Amino acid sequence: MHYEELLKELEEIVRQLEEDELTLEQSLELFQKGVMLSKKCSKMLDDAEQKVSIILKGSDGKILEQPFHINQEETNNGV
């Protein structure tokens, strides 16, 4: 599953827990599923962050700390 799909499912679980009249067993089952989905989403975000860090490593192997925005000059110069 993609991150967006997991997040959508997690949001639906939260909605059900907040709005629906569920039995204790149903609530616990949904809660457990929500925790599992939350952990998957967190791992996916951590993995994405690691990929971005790899991309931003300099030639000396050190991570370059740069903001994620494009300068107007770079956009105009085709960079």
C-alpha atoms as a PDB file:
ATOM      1  CA  MET A   1       0.000   0.000   0.000  1.00  0.00           C
ATOM      2  CA  HIS A   2       1.068   3.557  -0.626  1.00  0.00           C
ATOM      3  CA  TYR A   3       1.479   6.083   2.189  1.00  0.00           C
ATOM      4  CA  GLU A   4      -1.581   8.047   1.083  1.00  0.00           C
ATOM      5  CA  GLU A   5      -3.747   4.917   1.130  1.00  0.00           C
ATOM      6  CA  LEU A   6      -2.544   3.971   4.611  1.00  0.00           C
ATOM      7  CA  LEU A   7      -3.174   7.481   5.866  1.00  0.00           C
ATOM      8  CA  LYS A   8      -6.678   7.503   4.398  1.00  0.00           C
ATOM      9  CA  GLU A   9      -7.451   4.180   6.085  1.00  0.00           C
ATOM     10  CA  LEU A  10      -6.066   5.501   9.369  1.00  0.00           C
ATOM     11  CA  GLU A  11      -8.260   8.595   9.087  1.00  0.00           C
ATOM     12  CA  GLU A  12     -11.289   6.368   8.521  1.00  0.00           C
ATOM     13  CA  ILE A  13     -10.466   4.360  11.635  1.00  0.00           C
ATOM     14  CA  VAL A  14     -10.220   7.547  13.684  1.00  0.00           C
ATOM     15  CA  ARG A  15     -13.563   8.722  12.282  1.00  0.00           C
ATOM     16  CA  GLN A  16     -15.200   5.408  13.184  1.00  0.00           C
ATOM     17  CA  LEU A  17     -13.772   5.478  16.693  1.00  0.00           C
ATOM     18  CA  GLU A  18     -15.001   9.026  17.216  1.00  0.00           C
ATOM     19  CA  GLU A  19     -18.443   8.760  15.645  1.00  0.00           C
ATOM     20  CA  ASP A  20     -19.706   5.179  15.542  1.00  0.00           C
ATOM     21  CA  GLU A  21     -21.240   3.335  18.431  1.00  0.00           C
ATOM     22  CA  LEU A  22     -18.944   0.349  18.615  1.00  0.00           C
ATOM     23  CA  THR A  23     -18.626  -2.459  21.082  1.00  0.00           C
ATOM     24  CA  LEU A  24     -15.535  -2.541  23.244  1.00  0.00           C
ATOM     25  CA  GLU A  25     -14.163  -5.417  21.164  1.00  0.00           C
ATOM     26  CA  GLN A  26     -14.739  -3.547  17.896  1.00  0.00           C
ATOM     27  CA  SER A  27     -13.109  -0.425  19.315  1.00  0.00           C
ATOM     28  CA  LEU A  28     -10.077  -2.378  20.494  1.00  0.00           C
ATOM     29  CA  GLU A  29      -9.739  -4.104  17.128  1.00  0.00           C
ATOM     30  CA  LEU A  30      -9.913  -0.801  15.269  1.00  0.00           C
ATOM     31  CA  PHE A  31      -7.499   0.804  17.714  1.00  0.00           C
ATOM     32  CA  GLN A  32      -4.970  -2.013  17.215  1.00  0.00           C
ATOM     33  CA  LYS A  33      -5.290  -1.721  13.445  1.00  0.00           C
ATOM     34  CA  GLY A  34      -4.834   2.053  13.730  1.00  0.00           C
ATOM     35  CA  VAL A  35      -1.660   1.637  15.774  1.00  0.00           C
ATOM     36  CA  MET A  36      -0.315  -0.801  13.174  1.00  0.00           C
ATOM     37  CA  LEU A  37      -1.125   1.612  10.323  1.00  0.00           C
ATOM     38  CA  SER A  38       0.404   4.499  12.246  1.00  0.00           C
ATOM     39  CA  LYS A  39       3.656   2.556  12.680  1.00  0.00           C
ATOM     40  CA  LYS A  40       3.720   1.709   8.956  1.00  0.00           C
ATOM     41  CA  CYS A  41       3.182   5.373   8.042  1.00  0.00           C
ATOM     42  CA  SER A  42       5.923   6.442  10.432  1.00  0.00           C
ATOM     43  CA  LYS A  43       8.353   3.908   8.949  1.00  0.00           C
ATOM     44  CA  MET A  44       7.527   5.072   5.423  1.00  0.00           C
ATOM     45  CA  LEU A  45       8.222   8.681   6.437  1.00  0.00           C
ATOM     46  CA  ASP A  46      11.486   7.678   8.120  1.00  0.00           C
ATOM     47  CA  ASP A  47      12.536   5.785   4.990  1.00  0.00           C
ATOM     48  CA  ALA A  48      11.705   8.784   2.809  1.00  0.00           C
ATOM     49  CA  GLU A  49      13.715  11.050   5.110  1.00  0.00           C
ATOM     50  CA  GLN A  50      16.714   8.726   4.800  1.00  0.00           C
ATOM     51  CA  LYS A  51      16.450   8.794   1.006  1.00  0.00           C
ATOM     52  CA  VAL A  52      16.400  12.587   1.056  1.00  0.00           C
ATOM     53  CA  SER A  53      19.448  12.614   3.338  1.00  0.00           C
ATOM     54  CA  ILE A  54      21.329  10.372   0.935  1.00  0.00           C
ATOM     55  CA  ILE A  55      20.490  12.690  -1.945  1.00  0.00           C
ATOM     56  CA  LEU A  56      21.791  15.663   0.015  1.00  0.00           C
ATOM     57  CA  LYS A  57      25.162  14.158   0.904  1.00  0.00           C
ATOM     58  CA  GLY A  58      28.067  16.207  -0.315  1.00  0.00           C
ATOM     59  CA  SER A  59      31.101  14.852  -2.159  1.00  0.00           C
ATOM     60  CA  ASP A  60      32.922  14.553   1.174  1.00  0.00           C
ATOM     61  CA  GLY A  61      30.139  12.314   2.530  1.00  0.00           C
ATOM     62  CA  LYS A  62      28.811  14.912   4.949  1.00  0.00           C
ATOM     63  CA  ILE A  63      25.145  15.750   4.861  1.00  0.00           C
ATOM     64  CA  LEU A  64      24.483  19.210   3.491  1.00  0.00           C
ATOM     65  CA  GLU A  65      21.850  21.061   5.458  1.00  0.00           C
ATOM     66  CA  GLN A  66      20.000  23.100   2.883  1.00  0.00           C
ATOM     67  CA  PRO A  67      16.414  24.317   2.838  1.00  0.00           C
ATOM     68  CA  PHE A  68      14.048  22.558   0.439  1.00  0.00           C
ATOM     69  CA  HIS A  69      13.214  25.566  -1.704  1.00  0.00           C
ATOM     70  CA  ILE A  70      14.288  26.724  -5.107  1.00  0.00           C
ATOM     71  CA  ASN A  71      15.749  30.201  -5.535  1.00  0.00           C
ATOM     72  CA  GLN A  72      14.030  32.367  -8.093  1.00  0.00           C
ATOM     73  CA  GLU A  73      17.434  32.842  -9.798  1.00  0.00           C
ATOM     74  CA  GLU A  74      17.891  29.066 -10.126  1.00  0.00           C
ATOM     75  CA  THR A  75      14.418  28.750 -11.654  1.00  0.00           C
ATOM     76  CA  ASN A  76      15.162  31.545 -14.155  1.00  0.00           C
ATOM     77  CA  ASN A  77      18.543  30.060 -15.057  1.00  0.00           C
ATOM     78  CA  GLY A  78      17.078  26.617 -15.661  1.00  0.00           C
ATOM     79  CA  VAL A  79      18.856  25.032 -12.696  1.00  0.00           C
END
